[in-house]
Amino acid sequence: MLPLTMASQGEPVIIKKIGGKQETKKFLETLGFVVGGTITVVSEINGNMIVNVKDSRVAIGKDMANKIMV
Protein backbone atom coordinates (compact mmCIF):
# COMPACT_ATOMS: atom_id res chain seq x y z
CA MET A 1 0.00 0.00 0.00
CA LEU A 2 1.38 3.39 -1.06
CA PRO A 3 0.08 6.97 -0.83
CA LEU A 4 -1.52 8.33 -4.00
CA THR A 5 1.46 10.69 -4.43
CA MET A 6 3.58 7.62 -5.32
CA ALA A 7 1.20 6.34 -8.03
CA SER A 8 2.36 6.39 -11.65
CA GLN A 9 0.81 8.89 -14.03
CA GLY A 10 -1.78 7.38 -16.39
CA GLU A 11 -1.99 4.07 -14.51
CA PRO A 12 -5.37 3.20 -12.93
CA VAL A 13 -5.10 2.36 -9.21
CA ILE A 14 -7.64 1.12 -6.66
CA ILE A 15 -8.18 2.97 -3.39
CA LYS A 16 -7.36 0.67 -0.47
CA LYS A 17 -7.73 3.07 2.47
CA ILE A 18 -8.45 6.72 3.23
CA GLY A 19 -6.80 8.22 6.29
CA GLY A 20 -7.23 11.47 8.18
CA LYS A 21 -9.98 13.00 10.28
CA GLN A 22 -13.63 12.09 9.79
CA GLU A 23 -14.43 15.37 8.04
CA THR A 24 -11.51 14.81 5.62
CA LYS A 25 -12.79 11.32 4.79
CA LYS A 26 -16.32 12.67 4.27
CA PHE A 27 -15.03 15.46 2.00
CA LEU A 28 -13.05 13.01 -0.15
CA GLU A 29 -16.06 10.68 -0.28
CA THR A 30 -18.23 13.48 -1.69
CA LEU A 31 -15.62 13.97 -4.44
CA GLY A 32 -15.85 10.27 -5.32
CA PHE A 33 -12.82 8.92 -3.46
CA VAL A 34 -14.21 5.73 -1.91
CA VAL A 35 -12.46 2.51 -0.86
CA GLY A 36 -12.53 0.09 -3.78
CA GLY A 37 -12.90 2.90 -6.32
CA THR A 38 -10.55 3.28 -9.27
CA ILE A 39 -8.66 6.52 -9.88
CA THR A 40 -6.08 7.56 -12.46
CA VAL A 41 -3.43 10.25 -12.00
CA VAL A 42 -3.67 12.69 -14.94
CA SER A 43 -0.85 15.01 -13.90
CA GLU A 44 1.30 15.89 -10.89
CA ILE A 45 3.14 19.14 -10.14
CA ASN A 46 5.07 19.51 -6.86
CA GLY A 47 2.92 16.81 -5.27
CA ASN A 48 -0.36 18.51 -6.21
CA MET A 49 -2.37 16.22 -8.45
CA ILE A 50 -5.13 16.13 -11.02
CA VAL A 51 -6.87 12.76 -11.00
CA ASN A 52 -9.72 11.11 -12.88
CA VAL A 53 -12.30 9.78 -10.45
CA LYS A 54 -15.76 8.59 -11.52
CA ASP A 55 -15.55 10.24 -14.97
CA SER A 56 -14.56 13.60 -13.44
CA ARG A 57 -11.25 15.39 -13.07
CA VAL A 58 -10.45 16.53 -9.55
CA ALA A 59 -7.48 18.57 -8.31
CA ILE A 60 -6.17 17.69 -4.85
CA GLY A 61 -3.26 18.99 -2.81
CA LYS A 62 -0.23 16.99 -1.74
CA ASP A 63 -1.38 16.66 1.89
CA MET A 64 -4.78 15.33 0.80
CA ALA A 65 -3.20 12.94 -1.74
CA ASN A 66 -0.95 11.52 1.01
CA LYS A 67 -4.06 10.45 2.97
CA ILE A 68 -5.31 8.30 0.07
CA MET A 69 -3.66 4.87 0.09
CA VAL A 70 -3.62 2.80 -3.12
PDB file of N, CA and C in Angstrom:
ATOM      1  N   MET A   1       0.845  -1.182   0.000  1.00  0.00           N
ATOM      2  CA  MET A   1       0.000   0.000   0.000  1.00  0.00           C
ATOM      3  C   MET A   1       0.894   1.252   0.000  1.00  0.00           C
ATOM      4  N   LEU A   2       0.615   2.154  -0.924  1.00  0.00           N
ATOM      5  CA  LEU A   2       1.384   3.391  -1.059  1.00  0.00           C
ATOM      6  C   LEU A   2       0.436   4.593  -1.074  1.00  0.00           C
ATOM      7  N   PRO A   3       0.925   5.788  -0.684  1.00  0.00           N
ATOM      8  CA  PRO A   3       0.081   6.972  -0.828  1.00  0.00           C
ATOM      9  C   PRO A   3      -0.116   7.305  -2.306  1.00  0.00           C
ATOM     10  N   LEU A   4      -1.196   7.969  -2.623  1.00  0.00           N
ATOM     11  CA  LEU A   4      -1.517   8.326  -4.002  1.00  0.00           C
ATOM     12  C   LEU A   4      -0.386   9.117  -4.659  1.00  0.00           C
ATOM     13  N   THR A   5       0.365   9.882  -3.873  1.00  0.00           N
ATOM     14  CA  THR A   5       1.455  10.686  -4.432  1.00  0.00           C
ATOM     15  C   THR A   5       2.533   9.817  -5.082  1.00  0.00           C
ATOM     16  N   MET A   6       2.586   8.526  -4.753  1.00  0.00           N
ATOM     17  CA  MET A   6       3.580   7.618  -5.317  1.00  0.00           C
ATOM     18  C   MET A   6       3.058   6.862  -6.542  1.00  0.00           C
ATOM     19  N   ALA A   7       1.793   7.047  -6.897  1.00  0.00           N
ATOM     20  CA  ALA A   7       1.202   6.336  -8.034  1.00  0.00           C
ATOM     21  C   ALA A   7       1.750   6.880  -9.351  1.00  0.00           C
ATOM     22  N   SER A   8       1.861   6.001 -10.332  1.00  0.00           N
ATOM     23  CA  SER A   8       2.362   6.393 -11.650  1.00  0.00           C
ATOM     24  C   SER A   8       1.281   7.135 -12.434  1.00  0.00           C
ATOM     25  N   GLN A   9       1.722   8.110 -13.199  1.00  0.00           N
ATOM     26  CA  GLN A   9       0.808   8.895 -14.030  1.00  0.00           C
ATOM     27  C   GLN A   9       0.217   8.027 -15.132  1.00  0.00           C
ATOM     28  N   GLY A  10      -1.102   8.109 -15.318  1.00  0.00           N
ATOM     29  CA  GLY A  10      -1.778   7.375 -16.385  1.00  0.00           C
ATOM     30  C   GLY A  10      -2.137   5.940 -16.064  1.00  0.00           C
ATOM     31  N   GLU A  11      -1.729   5.469 -14.895  1.00  0.00           N
ATOM     32  CA  GLU A  11      -1.993   4.073 -14.510  1.00  0.00           C
ATOM     33  C   GLU A  11      -3.155   4.014 -13.522  1.00  0.00           C
ATOM     34  N   PRO A  12      -4.244   3.304 -13.865  1.00  0.00           N
ATOM     35  CA  PRO A  12      -5.374   3.204 -12.928  1.00  0.00           C
ATOM     36  C   PRO A  12      -4.974   2.464 -11.645  1.00  0.00           C
ATOM     37  N   VAL A  13      -5.372   2.995 -10.508  1.00  0.00           N
ATOM     38  CA  VAL A  13      -5.101   2.362  -9.212  1.00  0.00           C
ATOM     39  C   VAL A  13      -6.405   2.274  -8.427  1.00  0.00           C
ATOM     40  N   ILE A  14      -6.445   1.323  -7.492  1.00  0.00           N
ATOM     41  CA  ILE A  14      -7.637   1.118  -6.665  1.00  0.00           C
ATOM     42  C   ILE A  14      -7.366   1.649  -5.265  1.00  0.00           C
ATOM     43  N   ILE A  15      -8.312   2.413  -4.736  1.00  0.00           N
ATOM     44  CA  ILE A  15      -8.177   2.973  -3.385  1.00  0.00           C
ATOM     45  C   ILE A  15      -8.332   1.851  -2.366  1.00  0.00           C
ATOM     46  N   LYS A  16      -7.336   1.708  -1.503  1.00  0.00           N
ATOM     47  CA  LYS A  16      -7.359   0.670  -0.473  1.00  0.00           C
ATOM     48  C   LYS A  16      -7.808   1.222   0.886  1.00  0.00           C
ATOM     49  N   LYS A  17      -7.423   2.493   1.167  1.00  0.00           N
ATOM     50  CA  LYS A  17      -7.734   3.070   2.471  1.00  0.00           C
ATOM     51  C   LYS A  17      -7.664   4.590   2.370  1.00  0.00           C
ATOM     52  N   ILE A  18      -8.498   5.263   3.148  1.00  0.00           N
ATOM     53  CA  ILE A  18      -8.451   6.721   3.226  1.00  0.00           C
ATOM     54  C   ILE A  18      -8.233   7.098   4.681  1.00  0.00           C
ATOM     55  N   GLY A  19      -7.147   7.824   4.928  1.00  0.00           N
ATOM     56  CA  GLY A  19      -6.802   8.219   6.291  1.00  0.00           C
ATOM     57  C   GLY A  19      -7.267   9.624   6.596  1.00  0.00           C
ATOM     58  N   GLY A  20      -6.900  10.098   7.781  1.00  0.00           N
ATOM     59  CA  GLY A  20      -7.229  11.465   8.184  1.00  0.00           C
ATOM     60  C   GLY A  20      -8.444  11.537   9.089  1.00  0.00           C
ATOM     61  N   LYS A  21      -8.829  12.755   9.407  1.00  0.00           N
ATOM     62  CA  LYS A  21      -9.977  12.996  10.275  1.00  0.00           C
ATOM     63  C   LYS A  21     -11.275  12.624   9.564  1.00  0.00           C
ATOM     64  N   GLN A  22     -12.331  12.479  10.336  1.00  0.00           N
ATOM     65  CA  GLN A  22     -13.631  12.085   9.788  1.00  0.00           C
ATOM     66  C   GLN A  22     -14.132  13.081   8.748  1.00  0.00           C
ATOM     67  N   GLU A  23     -13.948  14.378   9.006  1.00  0.00           N
ATOM     68  CA  GLU A  23     -14.430  15.371   8.038  1.00  0.00           C
ATOM     69  C   GLU A  23     -13.628  15.317   6.733  1.00  0.00           C
ATOM     70  N   THR A  24     -12.341  14.965   6.825  1.00  0.00           N
ATOM     71  CA  THR A  24     -11.511  14.806   5.620  1.00  0.00           C
ATOM     72  C   THR A  24     -12.009  13.627   4.804  1.00  0.00           C
ATOM     73  N   LYS A  25     -12.279  12.516   5.469  1.00  0.00           N
ATOM     74  CA  LYS A  25     -12.785  11.324   4.785  1.00  0.00           C
ATOM     75  C   LYS A  25     -14.121  11.620   4.106  1.00  0.00           C
ATOM     76  N   LYS A  26     -14.995  12.335   4.808  1.00  0.00           N
ATOM     77  CA  LYS A  26     -16.319  12.671   4.266  1.00  0.00           C
ATOM     78  C   LYS A  26     -16.178  13.571   3.035  1.00  0.00           C
ATOM     79  N   PHE A  27     -15.273  14.557   3.120  1.00  0.00           N
ATOM     80  CA  PHE A  27     -15.032  15.465   1.998  1.00  0.00           C
ATOM     81  C   PHE A  27     -14.550  14.691   0.765  1.00  0.00           C
ATOM     82  N   LEU A  28     -13.574  13.799   0.961  1.00  0.00           N
ATOM     83  CA  LEU A  28     -13.046  13.012  -0.152  1.00  0.00           C
ATOM     84  C   LEU A  28     -14.124  12.089  -0.720  1.00  0.00           C
ATOM     85  N   GLU A  29     -14.966  11.557   0.161  1.00  0.00           N
ATOM     86  CA  GLU A  29     -16.059  10.680  -0.277  1.00  0.00           C
ATOM     87  C   GLU A  29     -17.031  11.426  -1.183  1.00  0.00           C
ATOM     88  N   THR A  30     -17.315  12.692  -0.861  1.00  0.00           N
ATOM     89  CA  THR A  30     -18.230  13.476  -1.690  1.00  0.00           C
ATOM     90  C   THR A  30     -17.632  13.768  -3.069  1.00  0.00           C
ATOM     91  N   LEU A  31     -16.296  13.768  -3.152  1.00  0.00           N
ATOM     92  CA  LEU A  31     -15.618  13.970  -4.436  1.00  0.00           C
ATOM     93  C   LEU A  31     -15.547  12.682  -5.251  1.00  0.00           C
ATOM     94  N   GLY A  32     -15.877  11.548  -4.614  1.00  0.00           N
ATOM     95  CA  GLY A  32     -15.855  10.266  -5.321  1.00  0.00           C
ATOM     96  C   GLY A  32     -14.724   9.346  -4.912  1.00  0.00           C
ATOM     97  N   PHE A  33     -13.911   9.762  -3.944  1.00  0.00           N
ATOM     98  CA  PHE A  33     -12.818   8.923  -3.460  1.00  0.00           C
ATOM     99  C   PHE A  33     -13.348   7.959  -2.409  1.00  0.00           C
ATOM    100  N   VAL A  34     -13.680   6.738  -2.823  1.00  0.00           N
ATOM    101  CA  VAL A  34     -14.211   5.729  -1.908  1.00  0.00           C
ATOM    102  C   VAL A  34     -13.341   4.472  -1.998  1.00  0.00           C
ATOM    103  N   VAL A  35     -13.239   3.745  -0.893  1.00  0.00           N
ATOM    104  CA  VAL A  35     -12.457   2.508  -0.863  1.00  0.00           C
ATOM    105  C   VAL A  35     -13.013   1.540  -1.897  1.00  0.00           C
ATOM    106  N   GLY A  36     -12.124   0.998  -2.719  1.00  0.00           N
ATOM    107  CA  GLY A  36     -12.528   0.091  -3.780  1.00  0.00           C
ATOM    108  C   GLY A  36     -12.719   0.798  -5.115  1.00  0.00           C
ATOM    109  N   GLY A  37     -12.744   2.124  -5.091  1.00  0.00           N
ATOM    110  CA  GLY A  37     -12.904   2.903  -6.315  1.00  0.00           C
ATOM    111  C   GLY A  37     -11.604   2.985  -7.100  1.00  0.00           C
ATOM    112  N   THR A  38     -11.721   3.173  -8.406  1.00  0.00           N
ATOM    113  CA  THR A  38     -10.549   3.281  -9.274  1.00  0.00           C
ATOM    114  C   THR A  38     -10.309   4.740  -9.631  1.00  0.00           C
ATOM    115  N   ILE A  39      -9.046   5.160  -9.507  1.00  0.00           N
ATOM    116  CA  ILE A  39      -8.663   6.520  -9.885  1.00  0.00           C
ATOM    117  C   ILE A  39      -7.406   6.463 -10.749  1.00  0.00           C
ATOM    118  N   THR A  40      -7.245   7.478 -11.582  1.00  0.00           N
ATOM    119  CA  THR A  40      -6.084   7.563 -12.458  1.00  0.00           C
ATOM    120  C   THR A  40      -5.461   8.944 -12.319  1.00  0.00           C
ATOM    121  N   VAL A  41      -4.142   8.984 -12.106  1.00  0.00           N
ATOM    122  CA  VAL A  41      -3.429  10.250 -12.003  1.00  0.00           C
ATOM    123  C   VAL A  41      -3.260  10.821 -13.415  1.00  0.00           C
ATOM    124  N   VAL A  42      -3.780  12.025 -13.636  1.00  0.00           N
ATOM    125  CA  VAL A  42      -3.669  12.690 -14.935  1.00  0.00           C
ATOM    126  C   VAL A  42      -2.364  13.478 -14.993  1.00  0.00           C
ATOM    127  N   SER A  43      -2.098  14.274 -13.957  1.00  0.00           N
ATOM    128  CA  SER A  43      -0.846  15.014 -13.895  1.00  0.00           C
ATOM    129  C   SER A  43      -0.487  15.313 -12.447  1.00  0.00           C
ATOM    130  N   GLU A  44       0.794  15.630 -12.233  1.00  0.00           N
ATOM    131  CA  GLU A  44       1.298  15.892 -10.894  1.00  0.00           C
ATOM    132  C   GLU A  44       2.353  16.987 -10.981  1.00  0.00           C
ATOM    133  N   ILE A  45       2.173  18.042 -10.191  1.00  0.00           N
ATOM    134  CA  ILE A  45       3.136  19.143 -10.141  1.00  0.00           C
ATOM    135  C   ILE A  45       3.411  19.460  -8.678  1.00  0.00           C
ATOM    136  N   ASN A  46       4.659  19.260  -8.253  1.00  0.00           N
ATOM    137  CA  ASN A  46       5.073  19.510  -6.862  1.00  0.00           C
ATOM    138  C   ASN A  46       4.204  18.782  -5.842  1.00  0.00           C
ATOM    139  N   GLY A  47       3.736  17.591  -6.190  1.00  0.00           N
ATOM    140  CA  GLY A  47       2.916  16.809  -5.269  1.00  0.00           C
ATOM    141  C   GLY A  47       1.434  17.073  -5.396  1.00  0.00           C
ATOM    142  N   ASN A  48       1.048  18.223  -5.962  1.00  0.00           N
ATOM    143  CA  ASN A  48      -0.364  18.512  -6.205  1.00  0.00           C
ATOM    144  C   ASN A  48      -0.790  17.738  -7.448  1.00  0.00           C
ATOM    145  N   MET A  49      -1.976  17.143  -7.403  1.00  0.00           N
ATOM    146  CA  MET A  49      -2.373  16.221  -8.451  1.00  0.00           C
ATOM    147  C   MET A  49      -3.713  16.550  -9.077  1.00  0.00           C
ATOM    148  N   ILE A  50      -3.838  16.152 -10.342  1.00  0.00           N
ATOM    149  CA  ILE A  50      -5.134  16.132 -11.018  1.00  0.00           C
ATOM    150  C   ILE A  50      -5.404  14.666 -11.305  1.00  0.00           C
ATOM    151  N   VAL A  51      -6.543  14.177 -10.831  1.00  0.00           N
ATOM    152  CA  VAL A  51      -6.869  12.758 -11.000  1.00  0.00           C
ATOM    153  C   VAL A  51      -8.240  12.593 -11.631  1.00  0.00           C
ATOM    154  N   ASN A  52      -8.407  11.490 -12.354  1.00  0.00           N
ATOM    155  CA  ASN A  52      -9.718  11.111 -12.878  1.00  0.00           C
ATOM    156  C   ASN A  52     -10.374  10.218 -11.843  1.00  0.00           C
ATOM    157  N   VAL A  53     -11.546  10.591 -11.401  1.00  0.00           N
ATOM    158  CA  VAL A  53     -12.296   9.776 -10.455  1.00  0.00           C
ATOM    159  C   VAL A  53     -13.764   9.830 -10.868  1.00  0.00           C
ATOM    160  N   LYS A  54     -14.358   8.677 -11.105  1.00  0.00           N
ATOM    161  CA  LYS A  54     -15.763   8.586 -11.516  1.00  0.00           C
ATOM    162  C   LYS A  54     -16.092   9.525 -12.677  1.00  0.00           C
ATOM    163  N   ASP A  55     -15.329   9.448 -13.756  1.00  0.00           N
ATOM    164  CA  ASP A  55     -15.547  10.242 -14.973  1.00  0.00           C
ATOM    165  C   ASP A  55     -15.441  11.753 -14.761  1.00  0.00           C
ATOM    166  N   SER A  56     -14.782  12.177 -13.695  1.00  0.00           N
ATOM    167  CA  SER A  56     -14.559  13.605 -13.438  1.00  0.00           C
ATOM    168  C   SER A  56     -13.081  13.824 -13.153  1.00  0.00           C
ATOM    169  N   ARG A  57     -12.616  15.028 -13.430  1.00  0.00           N
ATOM    170  CA  ARG A  57     -11.250  15.390 -13.072  1.00  0.00           C
ATOM    171  C   ARG A  57     -11.300  16.230 -11.809  1.00  0.00           C
ATOM    172  N   VAL A  58     -10.466  15.845 -10.842  1.00  0.00           N
ATOM    173  CA  VAL A  58     -10.452  16.533  -9.551  1.00  0.00           C
ATOM    174  C   VAL A  58      -9.010  16.904  -9.223  1.00  0.00           C
ATOM    175  N   ALA A  59      -8.800  18.135  -8.760  1.00  0.00           N
ATOM    176  CA  ALA A  59      -7.478  18.572  -8.312  1.00  0.00           C
ATOM    177  C   ALA A  59      -7.421  18.445  -6.798  1.00  0.00           C
ATOM    178  N   ILE A  60      -6.354  17.806  -6.306  1.00  0.00           N
ATOM    179  CA  ILE A  60      -6.171  17.686  -4.854  1.00  0.00           C
ATOM    180  C   ILE A  60      -4.738  18.056  -4.487  1.00  0.00           C
ATOM    181  N   GLY A  61      -4.575  18.592  -3.295  1.00  0.00           N
ATOM    182  CA  GLY A  61      -3.256  18.993  -2.811  1.00  0.00           C
ATOM    183  C   GLY A  61      -2.446  17.792  -2.344  1.00  0.00           C
ATOM    184  N   LYS A  62      -1.163  18.045  -2.147  1.00  0.00           N
ATOM    185  CA  LYS A  62      -0.232  16.991  -1.742  1.00  0.00           C
ATOM    186  C   LYS A  62      -0.633  16.360  -0.407  1.00  0.00           C
ATOM    187  N   ASP A  63      -1.009  17.194   0.576  1.00  0.00           N
ATOM    188  CA  ASP A  63      -1.376  16.662   1.893  1.00  0.00           C
ATOM    189  C   ASP A  63      -2.609  15.778   1.821  1.00  0.00           C
ATOM    190  N   MET A  64      -3.570  16.144   0.979  1.00  0.00           N
ATOM    191  CA  MET A  64      -4.780  15.329   0.796  1.00  0.00           C
ATOM    192  C   MET A  64      -4.437  14.031   0.061  1.00  0.00           C
ATOM    193  N   ALA A  65      -3.591  14.117  -0.965  1.00  0.00           N
ATOM    194  CA  ALA A  65      -3.200  12.936  -1.737  1.00  0.00           C
ATOM    195  C   ALA A  65      -2.435  11.930  -0.881  1.00  0.00           C
ATOM    196  N   ASN A  66      -1.696  12.411   0.114  1.00  0.00           N
ATOM    197  CA  ASN A  66      -0.952  11.523   1.006  1.00  0.00           C
ATOM    198  C   ASN A  66      -1.869  10.725   1.931  1.00  0.00           C
ATOM    199  N   LYS A  67      -3.098  11.159   2.113  1.00  0.00           N
ATOM    200  CA  LYS A  67      -4.056  10.445   2.971  1.00  0.00           C
ATOM    201  C   LYS A  67      -4.757   9.325   2.225  1.00  0.00           C
ATOM    202  N   ILE A  68      -4.648   9.324   0.884  1.00  0.00           N
ATOM    203  CA  ILE A  68      -5.305   8.302   0.065  1.00  0.00           C
ATOM    204  C   ILE A  68      -4.302   7.195  -0.244  1.00  0.00           C
ATOM    205  N   MET A  69      -4.563   6.000   0.276  1.00  0.00           N
ATOM    206  CA  MET A  69      -3.658   4.872   0.086  1.00  0.00           C
ATOM    207  C   MET A  69      -4.165   3.972  -1.048  1.00  0.00           C
ATOM    208  N   VAL A  70      -3.260   3.630  -1.971  1.00  0.00           N
ATOM    209  CA  VAL A  70      -3.622   2.805  -3.120  1.00  0.00           C
ATOM    210  C   VAL A  70      -2.768   1.548  -3.160  1.00  0.00           C
TER     211      VAL A  70
END
